[in-house]
Amino acid sequence: MNQKGFVMDARKVAFIPVNRAFFPRLADPDKGIIVTAADRWHQLVQNTLLKLAKRPEPVLKLGPDVPGLRRTK
């Protein structure tokens, strides 16, 4: 698939719009999805996120659609 690995940092949350500006292939029948992870991986991520939610570490909110972000034009 010619893709590179990546790391997700659950302490950072990006709020991005779900539109074609960010996802150009959103209107395609497959919505641009190449492959999905195995159910085991989904469960691992879900369990990790639940554990992280209990930690007192701050979560950094990023992206153009951050809740509470005041936009000035």
PDB file of N, CA and C in Angstrom:
ATOM      1  N   MET A   1       0.806  -1.196   0.000  1.00  0.00           N
ATOM      2  CA  MET A   1       0.000   0.000   0.000  1.00  0.00           C
ATOM      3  C   MET A   1       0.843   1.251   0.000  1.00  0.00           C
ATOM      4  N   ASN A   2       2.153   1.106   0.133  1.00  0.00           N
ATOM      5  CA  ASN A   2       3.063   2.240   0.059  1.00  0.00           C
ATOM      6  C   ASN A   2       2.736   3.300   1.109  1.00  0.00           C
ATOM      7  N   GLN A   3       2.452   2.858   2.334  1.00  0.00           N
ATOM      8  CA  GLN A   3       2.159   3.783   3.416  1.00  0.00           C
ATOM      9  C   GLN A   3       3.224   3.665   4.490  1.00  0.00           C
ATOM     10  N   LYS A   4       3.388   4.732   5.252  1.00  0.00           N
ATOM     11  CA  LYS A   4       4.361   4.747   6.335  1.00  0.00           C
ATOM     12  C   LYS A   4       3.638   4.659   7.677  1.00  0.00           C
ATOM     13  N   GLY A   5       4.332   4.100   8.650  1.00  0.00           N
ATOM     14  CA  GLY A   5       3.770   4.004   9.979  1.00  0.00           C
ATOM     15  C   GLY A   5       3.621   5.367  10.626  1.00  0.00           C
ATOM     16  N   PHE A   6       2.814   5.434  11.669  1.00  0.00           N
ATOM     17  CA  PHE A   6       2.602   6.688  12.377  1.00  0.00           C
ATOM     18  C   PHE A   6       2.322   6.386  13.841  1.00  0.00           C
ATOM     19  N   VAL A   7       2.382   7.409  14.657  1.00  0.00           N
ATOM     20  CA  VAL A   7       2.114   7.279  16.081  1.00  0.00           C
ATOM     21  C   VAL A   7       0.969   8.208  16.437  1.00  0.00           C
ATOM     22  N   MET A   8       0.018   7.699  17.211  1.00  0.00           N
ATOM     23  CA  MET A   8      -1.078   8.538  17.692  1.00  0.00           C
ATOM     24  C   MET A   8      -0.776   8.942  19.124  1.00  0.00           C
ATOM     25  N   ASP A   9      -0.895  10.215  19.426  1.00  0.00           N
ATOM     26  CA  ASP A   9      -0.713  10.717  20.778  1.00  0.00           C
ATOM     27  C   ASP A   9      -2.101  11.057  21.310  1.00  0.00           C
ATOM     28  N   ALA A  10      -2.608  10.232  22.205  1.00  0.00           N
ATOM     29  CA  ALA A  10      -3.975  10.413  22.704  1.00  0.00           C
ATOM     30  C   ALA A  10      -4.111  11.631  23.604  1.00  0.00           C
ATOM     31  N   ARG A  11      -3.006  12.296  23.922  1.00  0.00           N
ATOM     32  CA  ARG A  11      -3.091  13.520  24.721  1.00  0.00           C
ATOM     33  C   ARG A  11      -3.386  14.728  23.856  1.00  0.00           C
ATOM     34  N   LYS A  12      -3.396  14.538  22.564  1.00  0.00           N
ATOM     35  CA  LYS A  12      -3.710  15.627  21.640  1.00  0.00           C
ATOM     36  C   LYS A  12      -4.945  15.238  20.838  1.00  0.00           C
ATOM     37  N   VAL A  13      -5.911  16.112  20.825  1.00  0.00           N
ATOM     38  CA  VAL A  13      -7.149  15.853  20.111  1.00  0.00           C
ATOM     39  C   VAL A  13      -7.328  16.948  19.068  1.00  0.00           C
ATOM     40  N   ALA A  14      -7.501  16.558  17.821  1.00  0.00           N
ATOM     41  CA  ALA A  14      -7.708  17.532  16.752  1.00  0.00           C
ATOM     42  C   ALA A  14      -9.176  17.535  16.347  1.00  0.00           C
ATOM     43  N   PHE A  15      -9.775  18.696  16.396  1.00  0.00           N
ATOM     44  CA  PHE A  15     -11.158  18.864  15.953  1.00  0.00           C
ATOM     45  C   PHE A  15     -11.103  19.461  14.554  1.00  0.00           C
ATOM     46  N   ILE A  16     -11.395  18.639  13.578  1.00  0.00           N
ATOM     47  CA  ILE A  16     -11.330  19.090  12.192  1.00  0.00           C
ATOM     48  C   ILE A  16     -12.701  18.911  11.539  1.00  0.00           C
ATOM     49  N   PRO A  17     -12.996  19.753  10.585  1.00  0.00           N
ATOM     50  CA  PRO A  17     -14.294  19.628   9.918  1.00  0.00           C
ATOM     51  C   PRO A  17     -14.325  18.385   9.030  1.00  0.00           C
ATOM     52  N   VAL A  18     -15.467  17.752   9.022  1.00  0.00           N
ATOM     53  CA  VAL A  18     -15.634  16.597   8.139  1.00  0.00           C
ATOM     54  C   VAL A  18     -16.245  17.149   6.850  1.00  0.00           C
ATOM     55  N   ASN A  19     -15.365  17.617   5.983  1.00  0.00           N
ATOM     56  CA  ASN A  19     -15.809  18.124   4.690  1.00  0.00           C
ATOM     57  C   ASN A  19     -14.726  17.826   3.652  1.00  0.00           C
ATOM     58  N   ARG A  20     -14.987  18.168   2.426  1.00  0.00           N
ATOM     59  CA  ARG A  20     -14.071  17.818   1.340  1.00  0.00           C
ATOM     60  C   ARG A  20     -12.788  18.634   1.361  1.00  0.00           C
ATOM     61  N   ALA A  21     -12.749  19.736   2.105  1.00  0.00           N
ATOM     62  CA  ALA A  21     -11.508  20.506   2.211  1.00  0.00           C
ATOM     63  C   ALA A  21     -10.452  19.682   2.960  1.00  0.00           C
ATOM     64  N   PHE A  22     -10.873  18.934   3.959  1.00  0.00           N
ATOM     65  CA  PHE A  22      -9.945  18.111   4.730  1.00  0.00           C
ATOM     66  C   PHE A  22      -9.900  16.678   4.212  1.00  0.00           C
ATOM     67  N   PHE A  23     -10.986  16.209   3.649  1.00  0.00           N
ATOM     68  CA  PHE A  23     -11.072  14.844   3.131  1.00  0.00           C
ATOM     69  C   PHE A  23     -11.578  14.897   1.688  1.00  0.00           C
ATOM     70  N   PRO A  24     -10.668  15.125   0.730  1.00  0.00           N
ATOM     71  CA  PRO A  24     -11.077  15.329  -0.658  1.00  0.00           C
ATOM     72  C   PRO A  24     -11.845  14.156  -1.267  1.00  0.00           C
ATOM     73  N   ARG A  25     -11.620  12.956  -0.773  1.00  0.00           N
ATOM     74  CA  ARG A  25     -12.288  11.784  -1.355  1.00  0.00           C
ATOM     75  C   ARG A  25     -13.525  11.379  -0.565  1.00  0.00           C
ATOM     76  N   LEU A  26     -14.031  12.281   0.258  1.00  0.00           N
ATOM     77  CA  LEU A  26     -15.180  11.982   1.101  1.00  0.00           C
ATOM     78  C   LEU A  26     -16.419  11.615   0.292  1.00  0.00           C
ATOM     79  N   ALA A  27     -16.566  12.190  -0.885  1.00  0.00           N
ATOM     80  CA  ALA A  27     -17.740  11.922  -1.719  1.00  0.00           C
ATOM     81  C   ALA A  27     -17.619  10.608  -2.504  1.00  0.00           C
ATOM     82  N   ASP A  28     -16.415  10.033  -2.538  1.00  0.00           N
ATOM     83  CA  ASP A  28     -16.230   8.754  -3.240  1.00  0.00           C
ATOM     84  C   ASP A  28     -17.042   7.661  -2.549  1.00  0.00           C
ATOM     85  N   PRO A  29     -17.434   6.636  -3.292  1.00  0.00           N
ATOM     86  CA  PRO A  29     -18.208   5.539  -2.676  1.00  0.00           C
ATOM     87  C   PRO A  29     -17.501   4.904  -1.471  1.00  0.00           C
ATOM     88  N   ASP A  30     -16.166   4.799  -1.546  1.00  0.00           N
ATOM     89  CA  ASP A  30     -15.434   4.200  -0.420  1.00  0.00           C
ATOM     90  C   ASP A  30     -15.008   5.247   0.607  1.00  0.00           C
ATOM     91  N   LYS A  31     -15.376   6.507   0.371  1.00  0.00           N
ATOM     92  CA  LYS A  31     -15.055   7.643   1.237  1.00  0.00           C
ATOM     93  C   LYS A  31     -13.545   7.803   1.475  1.00  0.00           C
ATOM     94  N   GLY A  32     -12.741   7.259   0.566  1.00  0.00           N
ATOM     95  CA  GLY A  32     -11.295   7.387   0.665  1.00  0.00           C
ATOM     96  C   GLY A  32     -10.655   6.409   1.631  1.00  0.00           C
ATOM     97  N   ILE A  33     -11.444   5.501   2.174  1.00  0.00           N
ATOM     98  CA  ILE A  33     -10.899   4.523   3.119  1.00  0.00           C
ATOM     99  C   ILE A  33     -10.165   3.447   2.334  1.00  0.00           C
ATOM    100  N   ILE A  34      -8.897   3.258   2.662  1.00  0.00           N
ATOM    101  CA  ILE A  34      -8.080   2.262   1.971  1.00  0.00           C
ATOM    102  C   ILE A  34      -8.208   0.914   2.648  1.00  0.00           C
ATOM    103  N   VAL A  35      -8.049   0.920   3.954  1.00  0.00           N
ATOM    104  CA  VAL A  35      -8.154  -0.310   4.733  1.00  0.00           C
ATOM    105  C   VAL A  35      -8.481   0.077   6.178  1.00  0.00           C
ATOM    106  N   THR A  36      -9.122  -0.810   6.906  1.00  0.00           N
ATOM    107  CA  THR A  36      -9.400  -0.553   8.317  1.00  0.00           C
ATOM    108  C   THR A  36      -8.611  -1.534   9.172  1.00  0.00           C
ATOM    109  N   ALA A  37      -8.355  -1.126  10.386  1.00  0.00           N
ATOM    110  CA  ALA A  37      -7.598  -1.975  11.313  1.00  0.00           C
ATOM    111  C   ALA A  37      -8.468  -3.132  11.796  1.00  0.00           C
ATOM    112  N   ALA A  38      -7.806  -4.151  12.285  1.00  0.00           N
ATOM    113  CA  ALA A  38      -8.504  -5.323  12.814  1.00  0.00           C
ATOM    114  C   ALA A  38      -9.298  -4.941  14.067  1.00  0.00           C
ATOM    115  N   ASP A  39     -10.326  -5.724  14.358  1.00  0.00           N
ATOM    116  CA  ASP A  39     -11.147  -5.471  15.546  1.00  0.00           C
ATOM    117  C   ASP A  39     -10.303  -5.478  16.816  1.00  0.00           C
ATOM    118  N   ARG A  40      -9.306  -6.342  16.871  1.00  0.00           N
ATOM    119  CA  ARG A  40      -8.432  -6.410  18.041  1.00  0.00           C
ATOM    120  C   ARG A  40      -7.725  -5.063  18.263  1.00  0.00           C
ATOM    121  N   TRP A  41      -7.278  -4.444  17.188  1.00  0.00           N
ATOM    122  CA  TRP A  41      -6.607  -3.139  17.289  1.00  0.00           C
ATOM    123  C   TRP A  41      -7.591  -2.071  17.762  1.00  0.00           C
ATOM    124  N   HIS A  42      -8.807  -2.079  17.214  1.00  0.00           N
ATOM    125  CA  HIS A  42      -9.828  -1.118  17.640  1.00  0.00           C
ATOM    126  C   HIS A  42     -10.078  -1.247  19.142  1.00  0.00           C
ATOM    127  N   GLN A  43     -10.156  -2.480  19.646  1.00  0.00           N
ATOM    128  CA  GLN A  43     -10.391  -2.709  21.064  1.00  0.00           C
ATOM    129  C   GLN A  43      -9.219  -2.213  21.902  1.00  0.00           C
ATOM    130  N   LEU A  44      -8.004  -2.448  21.421  1.00  0.00           N
ATOM    131  CA  LEU A  44      -6.811  -1.976  22.129  1.00  0.00           C
ATOM    132  C   LEU A  44      -6.804  -0.457  22.231  1.00  0.00           C
ATOM    133  N   VAL A  45      -7.099   0.215  21.149  1.00  0.00           N
ATOM    134  CA  VAL A  45      -7.144   1.685  21.148  1.00  0.00           C
ATOM    135  C   VAL A  45      -8.241   2.175  22.091  1.00  0.00           C
ATOM    136  N   GLN A  46      -9.408   1.551  22.035  1.00  0.00           N
ATOM    137  CA  GLN A  46     -10.517   1.956  22.904  1.00  0.00           C
ATOM    138  C   GLN A  46     -10.139   1.783  24.373  1.00  0.00           C
ATOM    139  N   ASN A  47      -9.543   0.662  24.726  1.00  0.00           N
ATOM    140  CA  ASN A  47      -9.133   0.424  26.111  1.00  0.00           C
ATOM    141  C   ASN A  47      -8.072   1.427  26.559  1.00  0.00           C
ATOM    142  N   THR A  48      -7.129   1.736  25.682  1.00  0.00           N
ATOM    143  CA  THR A  48      -6.084   2.703  25.999  1.00  0.00           C
ATOM    144  C   THR A  48      -6.679   4.092  26.224  1.00  0.00           C
ATOM    145  N   LEU A  49      -7.620   4.477  25.380  1.00  0.00           N
ATOM    146  CA  LEU A  49      -8.264   5.787  25.536  1.00  0.00           C
ATOM    147  C   LEU A  49      -9.045   5.869  26.843  1.00  0.00           C
ATOM    148  N   LEU A  50      -9.686   4.783  27.235  1.00  0.00           N
ATOM    149  CA  LEU A  50     -10.407   4.772  28.504  1.00  0.00           C
ATOM    150  C   LEU A  50      -9.447   4.939  29.676  1.00  0.00           C
ATOM    151  N   LYS A  51      -8.285   4.294  29.606  1.00  0.00           N
ATOM    152  CA  LYS A  51      -7.279   4.444  30.653  1.00  0.00           C
ATOM    153  C   LYS A  51      -6.742   5.869  30.689  1.00  0.00           C
ATOM    154  N   LEU A  52      -6.475   6.434  29.525  1.00  0.00           N
ATOM    155  CA  LEU A  52      -5.952   7.799  29.461  1.00  0.00           C
ATOM    156  C   LEU A  52      -6.963   8.819  29.980  1.00  0.00           C
ATOM    157  N   ALA A  53      -8.237   8.543  29.783  1.00  0.00           N
ATOM    158  CA  ALA A  53      -9.279   9.464  30.244  1.00  0.00           C
ATOM    159  C   ALA A  53      -9.281   9.586  31.761  1.00  0.00           C
ATOM    160  N   LYS A  54      -8.760   8.585  32.447  1.00  0.00           N
ATOM    161  CA  LYS A  54      -8.730   8.594  33.910  1.00  0.00           C
ATOM    162  C   LYS A  54      -7.488   9.289  34.467  1.00  0.00           C
ATOM    163  N   ARG A  55      -6.545   9.605  33.613  1.00  0.00           N
ATOM    164  CA  ARG A  55      -5.310  10.256  34.060  1.00  0.00           C
ATOM    165  C   ARG A  55      -5.523  11.761  34.200  1.00  0.00           C
ATOM    166  N   PRO A  56      -4.774  12.375  35.101  1.00  0.00           N
ATOM    167  CA  PRO A  56      -4.927  13.830  35.277  1.00  0.00           C
ATOM    168  C   PRO A  56      -4.150  14.666  34.251  1.00  0.00           C
ATOM    169  N   GLU A  57      -3.503  14.032  33.293  1.00  0.00           N
ATOM    170  CA  GLU A  57      -2.730  14.782  32.302  1.00  0.00           C
ATOM    171  C   GLU A  57      -3.655  15.662  31.465  1.00  0.00           C
ATOM    172  N   PRO A  58      -3.219  16.857  31.151  1.00  0.00           N
ATOM    173  CA  PRO A  58      -4.043  17.719  30.300  1.00  0.00           C
ATOM    174  C   PRO A  58      -4.087  17.210  28.861  1.00  0.00           C
ATOM    175  N   VAL A  59      -5.180  17.484  28.210  1.00  0.00           N
ATOM    176  CA  VAL A  59      -5.340  17.123  26.803  1.00  0.00           C
ATOM    177  C   VAL A  59      -5.269  18.403  25.995  1.00  0.00           C
ATOM    178  N   LEU A  60      -4.399  18.435  25.012  1.00  0.00           N
ATOM    179  CA  LEU A  60      -4.227  19.596  24.160  1.00  0.00           C
ATOM    180  C   LEU A  60      -5.220  19.514  23.005  1.00  0.00           C
ATOM    181  N   LYS A  61      -6.085  20.508  22.899  1.00  0.00           N
ATOM    182  CA  LYS A  61      -7.087  20.532  21.838  1.00  0.00           C
ATOM    183  C   LYS A  61      -6.551  21.356  20.681  1.00  0.00           C
ATOM    184  N   LEU A  62      -6.549  20.768  19.492  1.00  0.00           N
ATOM    185  CA  LEU A  62      -5.997  21.408  18.305  1.00  0.00           C
ATOM    186  C   LEU A  62      -7.008  21.411  17.174  1.00  0.00           C
ATOM    187  N   GLY A  63      -6.732  22.158  16.118  1.00  0.00           N
ATOM    188  CA  GLY A  63      -7.529  22.113  14.900  1.00  0.00           C
ATOM    189  C   GLY A  63      -8.487  23.276  14.758  1.00  0.00           C
ATOM    190  N   PRO A  64      -9.002  23.446  13.563  1.00  0.00           N
ATOM    191  CA  PRO A  64      -9.869  24.592  13.274  1.00  0.00           C
ATOM    192  C   PRO A  64     -11.257  24.502  13.904  1.00  0.00           C
ATOM    193  N   ASP A  65     -11.688  23.316  14.317  1.00  0.00           N
ATOM    194  CA  ASP A  65     -13.031  23.168  14.885  1.00  0.00           C
ATOM    195  C   ASP A  65     -13.007  22.892  16.389  1.00  0.00           C
ATOM    196  N   VAL A  66     -12.004  23.433  17.091  1.00  0.00           N
ATOM    197  CA  VAL A  66     -11.910  23.221  18.530  1.00  0.00           C
ATOM    198  C   VAL A  66     -13.136  23.832  19.210  1.00  0.00           C
ATOM    199  N   PRO A  67     -13.840  23.063  20.048  1.00  0.00           N
ATOM    200  CA  PRO A  67     -14.990  23.625  20.756  1.00  0.00           C
ATOM    201  C   PRO A  67     -14.570  24.810  21.612  1.00  0.00           C
ATOM    202  N   GLY A  68     -15.356  25.871  21.568  1.00  0.00           N
ATOM    203  CA  GLY A  68     -15.073  27.048  22.373  1.00  0.00           C
ATOM    204  C   GLY A  68     -14.106  28.031  21.729  1.00  0.00           C
ATOM    205  N   LEU A  69     -13.538  27.673  20.585  1.00  0.00           N
ATOM    206  CA  LEU A  69     -12.603  28.562  19.904  1.00  0.00           C
ATOM    207  C   LEU A  69     -13.382  29.703  19.257  1.00  0.00           C
ATOM    208  N   ARG A  70     -12.979  30.921  19.594  1.00  0.00           N
ATOM    209  CA  ARG A  70     -13.647  32.082  18.993  1.00  0.00           C
ATOM    210  C   ARG A  70     -12.977  32.404  17.678  1.00  0.00           C
ATOM    211  N   ARG A  71     -13.764  32.519  16.669  1.00  0.00           N
ATOM    212  CA  ARG A  71     -13.244  32.842  15.351  1.00  0.00           C
ATOM    213  C   ARG A  71     -13.502  34.299  15.061  1.00  0.00           C
ATOM    214  N   THR A  72     -12.467  34.958  14.574  1.00  0.00           N
ATOM    215  CA  THR A  72     -12.622  36.357  14.158  1.00  0.00           C
ATOM    216  C   THR A  72     -12.343  36.422  12.675  1.00  0.00           C
ATOM    217  N   LYS A  73     -13.182  37.104  11.984  1.00  0.00           N
ATOM    218  CA  LYS A  73     -13.005  37.221  10.528  1.00  0.00           C
ATOM    219  C   LYS A  73     -12.877  38.660  10.127  1.00  0.00           C
TER     220      LYS A  73
END
